[in-house]
Amino acid sequence: MSSNNSSSSSSSTTATNSNTDSAYESSLDQLRSLLPNSNAKGMSDYDVVRSATDYIQTLMKDTGNSNSSD
């Protein structure tokens, strides 16, 4: 009976990790689609987040809402 419990626990953990990975990828895909870069599809995850941060800071400066600690 204990082997069944560990098996179901293991598959539950795998399902949770899969859902987390899926949500993470979905969020990055959404972020990529919003970036004004034509090559966003080929960017690494880090580059997508960094580019989005730079873009947000530029928008804030352009609108006069700069709250950054630069």
N, C-alpha and C. Protein backbone atom coordinates (compact mmCIF):
# COMPACT_ATOMS: atom_id res chain seq x y z
N MET A 1 0.82 -1.19 0.00
CA MET A 1 0.00 0.00 0.00
C MET A 1 0.87 1.25 0.00
N SER A 2 1.99 1.22 0.72
CA SER A 2 2.83 2.41 0.78
C SER A 2 3.46 2.72 -0.57
N SER A 3 3.70 1.69 -1.40
CA SER A 3 4.27 1.96 -2.71
C SER A 3 3.28 2.71 -3.58
N ASN A 4 2.00 2.45 -3.42
CA ASN A 4 0.99 3.19 -4.16
C ASN A 4 0.95 4.65 -3.72
N ASN A 5 1.09 4.89 -2.43
CA ASN A 5 1.08 6.26 -1.93
C ASN A 5 2.26 7.06 -2.46
N SER A 6 3.44 6.47 -2.46
CA SER A 6 4.60 7.19 -2.96
C SER A 6 4.49 7.41 -4.46
N SER A 7 3.89 6.48 -5.16
CA SER A 7 3.71 6.63 -6.59
C SER A 7 2.75 7.77 -6.91
N SER A 8 1.63 7.83 -6.20
CA SER A 8 0.67 8.90 -6.45
C SER A 8 1.23 10.24 -6.00
N SER A 9 2.00 10.24 -4.93
CA SER A 9 2.62 11.48 -4.47
C SER A 9 3.62 11.98 -5.49
N SER A 10 4.39 11.08 -6.07
CA SER A 10 5.37 11.44 -7.08
C SER A 10 4.69 12.01 -8.32
N SER A 11 3.62 11.38 -8.77
CA SER A 11 2.92 11.88 -9.95
C SER A 11 2.24 13.20 -9.67
N SER A 12 1.80 13.42 -8.44
CA SER A 12 1.20 14.69 -8.05
C SER A 12 2.23 15.81 -8.12
N THR A 13 3.43 15.54 -7.63
CA THR A 13 4.51 16.53 -7.69
C THR A 13 4.87 16.84 -9.13
N THR A 14 4.94 15.83 -9.97
CA THR A 14 5.24 16.03 -11.38
C THR A 14 4.18 16.88 -12.04
N ALA A 15 2.91 16.63 -11.74
CA ALA A 15 1.82 17.41 -12.32
C ALA A 15 1.90 18.86 -11.87
N THR A 16 2.23 19.09 -10.61
CA THR A 16 2.36 20.45 -10.10
C THR A 16 3.50 21.18 -10.79
N ASN A 17 4.65 20.52 -10.94
CA ASN A 17 5.78 21.12 -11.63
C ASN A 17 5.44 21.42 -13.07
N SER A 18 4.72 20.53 -13.72
CA SER A 18 4.32 20.73 -15.10
C SER A 18 3.41 21.95 -15.23
N ASN A 19 2.46 22.10 -14.30
CA ASN A 19 1.57 23.25 -14.33
C ASN A 19 2.34 24.54 -14.10
N THR A 20 3.30 24.53 -13.19
CA THR A 20 4.11 25.71 -12.92
C THR A 20 4.94 26.08 -14.14
N ASP A 21 5.57 25.10 -14.76
CA ASP A 21 6.36 25.34 -15.96
C ASP A 21 5.49 25.88 -17.08
N SER A 22 4.29 25.34 -17.22
CA SER A 22 3.37 25.78 -18.26
C SER A 22 2.95 27.23 -18.04
N ALA A 23 2.65 27.59 -16.81
CA ALA A 23 2.25 28.97 -16.50
C ALA A 23 3.42 29.91 -16.74
N TYR A 24 4.62 29.48 -16.37
CA TYR A 24 5.83 30.28 -16.57
C TYR A 24 6.06 30.54 -18.05
N GLU A 25 5.98 29.49 -18.86
CA GLU A 25 6.17 29.63 -20.30
C GLU A 25 5.08 30.50 -20.91
N SER A 26 3.85 30.32 -20.47
CA SER A 26 2.74 31.11 -20.98
C SER A 26 2.95 32.59 -20.67
N SER A 27 3.41 32.90 -19.48
CA SER A 27 3.67 34.29 -19.09
C SER A 27 4.78 34.90 -19.94
N LEU A 28 5.83 34.14 -20.17
CA LEU A 28 6.92 34.64 -21.01
C LEU A 28 6.46 34.84 -22.45
N ASP A 29 5.64 33.94 -22.96
CA ASP A 29 5.11 34.10 -24.31
C ASP A 29 4.26 35.35 -24.43
N GLN A 30 3.46 35.62 -23.41
CA GLN A 30 2.64 36.84 -23.40
C GLN A 30 3.54 38.07 -23.37
N LEU A 31 4.56 38.04 -22.55
CA LEU A 31 5.49 39.16 -22.46
C LEU A 31 6.22 39.37 -23.78
N ARG A 32 6.67 38.28 -24.41
CA ARG A 32 7.32 38.38 -25.71
C ARG A 32 6.42 39.06 -26.74
N SER A 33 5.14 38.72 -26.72
CA SER A 33 4.21 39.26 -27.71
C SER A 33 3.99 40.76 -27.52
N LEU A 34 4.27 41.29 -26.34
CA LEU A 34 4.06 42.70 -26.06
C LEU A 34 5.29 43.56 -26.32
N LEU A 35 6.44 42.94 -26.48
CA LEU A 35 7.67 43.69 -26.70
C LEU A 35 7.72 44.22 -28.13
N PRO A 36 8.21 45.44 -28.29
CA PRO A 36 8.28 46.03 -29.63
C PRO A 36 9.47 45.54 -30.46
N ASN A 37 10.15 44.49 -30.01
CA ASN A 37 11.30 43.95 -30.75
C ASN A 37 10.84 42.94 -31.78
N SER A 38 11.37 43.04 -32.96
CA SER A 38 10.97 42.09 -34.01
C SER A 38 11.57 40.71 -33.77
N ASN A 39 12.65 40.60 -33.01
CA ASN A 39 13.31 39.31 -32.78
C ASN A 39 13.00 38.73 -31.41
N ALA A 40 11.89 39.12 -30.81
CA ALA A 40 11.57 38.66 -29.45
C ALA A 40 11.40 37.15 -29.38
N LYS A 41 10.99 36.51 -30.46
CA LYS A 41 10.78 35.05 -30.44
C LYS A 41 12.08 34.30 -30.19
N GLY A 42 13.20 34.84 -30.64
CA GLY A 42 14.48 34.16 -30.47
C GLY A 42 15.24 34.55 -29.22
N MET A 43 14.65 35.38 -28.39
CA MET A 43 15.33 35.87 -27.19
C MET A 43 15.27 34.84 -26.06
N SER A 44 16.31 34.82 -25.24
CA SER A 44 16.29 33.96 -24.05
C SER A 44 15.30 34.53 -23.04
N ASP A 45 14.93 33.71 -22.05
CA ASP A 45 13.99 34.16 -21.02
C ASP A 45 14.55 35.39 -20.30
N TYR A 46 15.82 35.36 -19.98
CA TYR A 46 16.45 36.49 -19.30
C TYR A 46 16.36 37.75 -20.15
N ASP A 47 16.67 37.62 -21.45
CA ASP A 47 16.64 38.77 -22.34
C ASP A 47 15.23 39.34 -22.48
N VAL A 48 14.23 38.48 -22.46
CA VAL A 48 12.84 38.94 -22.54
C VAL A 48 12.50 39.80 -21.33
N VAL A 49 12.85 39.31 -20.14
CA VAL A 49 12.55 40.05 -18.91
C VAL A 49 13.35 41.35 -18.87
N ARG A 50 14.61 41.29 -19.25
CA ARG A 50 15.46 42.48 -19.26
C ARG A 50 14.95 43.52 -20.25
N SER A 51 14.57 43.08 -21.44
CA SER A 51 14.04 43.98 -22.45
C SER A 51 12.73 44.61 -22.00
N ALA A 52 11.88 43.83 -21.36
CA ALA A 52 10.61 44.35 -20.85
C ALA A 52 10.87 45.41 -19.78
N THR A 53 11.84 45.16 -18.91
CA THR A 53 12.19 46.12 -17.87
C THR A 53 12.69 47.42 -18.49
N ASP A 54 13.57 47.32 -19.47
CA ASP A 54 14.08 48.51 -20.16
C ASP A 54 12.95 49.27 -20.84
N TYR A 55 12.05 48.54 -21.48
CA TYR A 55 10.93 49.15 -22.19
C TYR A 55 10.01 49.89 -21.21
N ILE A 56 9.72 49.29 -20.08
CA ILE A 56 8.87 49.92 -19.06
C ILE A 56 9.53 51.19 -18.53
N GLN A 57 10.84 51.13 -18.28
CA GLN A 57 11.55 52.31 -17.79
C GLN A 57 11.53 53.43 -18.82
N THR A 58 11.68 53.09 -20.09
CA THR A 58 11.61 54.08 -21.16
C THR A 58 10.23 54.72 -21.22
N LEU A 59 9.19 53.91 -21.13
CA LEU A 59 7.83 54.45 -21.14
C LEU A 59 7.59 55.37 -19.95
N MET A 60 8.10 55.00 -18.79
CA MET A 60 7.93 55.83 -17.60
C MET A 60 8.64 57.17 -17.77
N LYS A 61 9.83 57.17 -18.33
CA LYS A 61 10.56 58.42 -18.56
C LYS A 61 9.84 59.28 -19.58
N ASP A 62 9.33 58.66 -20.64
CA ASP A 62 8.63 59.40 -21.69
C ASP A 62 7.34 60.04 -21.18
N THR A 63 6.71 59.43 -20.21
CA THR A 63 5.46 59.97 -19.68
C THR A 63 5.68 60.83 -18.44
N GLY A 64 6.92 60.95 -18.00
CA GLY A 64 7.23 61.78 -16.84
C GLY A 64 6.91 61.13 -15.52
N ASN A 65 6.73 59.82 -15.51
CA ASN A 65 6.42 59.09 -14.29
C ASN A 65 7.62 58.31 -13.78
N SER A 66 8.78 58.87 -13.90
CA SER A 66 9.99 58.16 -13.50
C SER A 66 10.09 58.07 -11.99
N ASN A 67 10.04 56.86 -11.49
CA ASN A 67 10.16 56.59 -10.06
C ASN A 67 11.36 55.71 -9.80
N SER A 68 12.24 55.58 -10.78
CA SER A 68 13.37 54.66 -10.63
C SER A 68 14.44 55.26 -9.74
N SER A 69 15.31 54.42 -9.26
CA SER A 69 16.39 54.86 -8.37
C SER A 69 17.69 55.03 -9.13
N ASP A 70 17.61 55.35 -10.42
CA ASP A 70 18.80 55.51 -11.25
C ASP A 70 19.63 56.67 -10.81
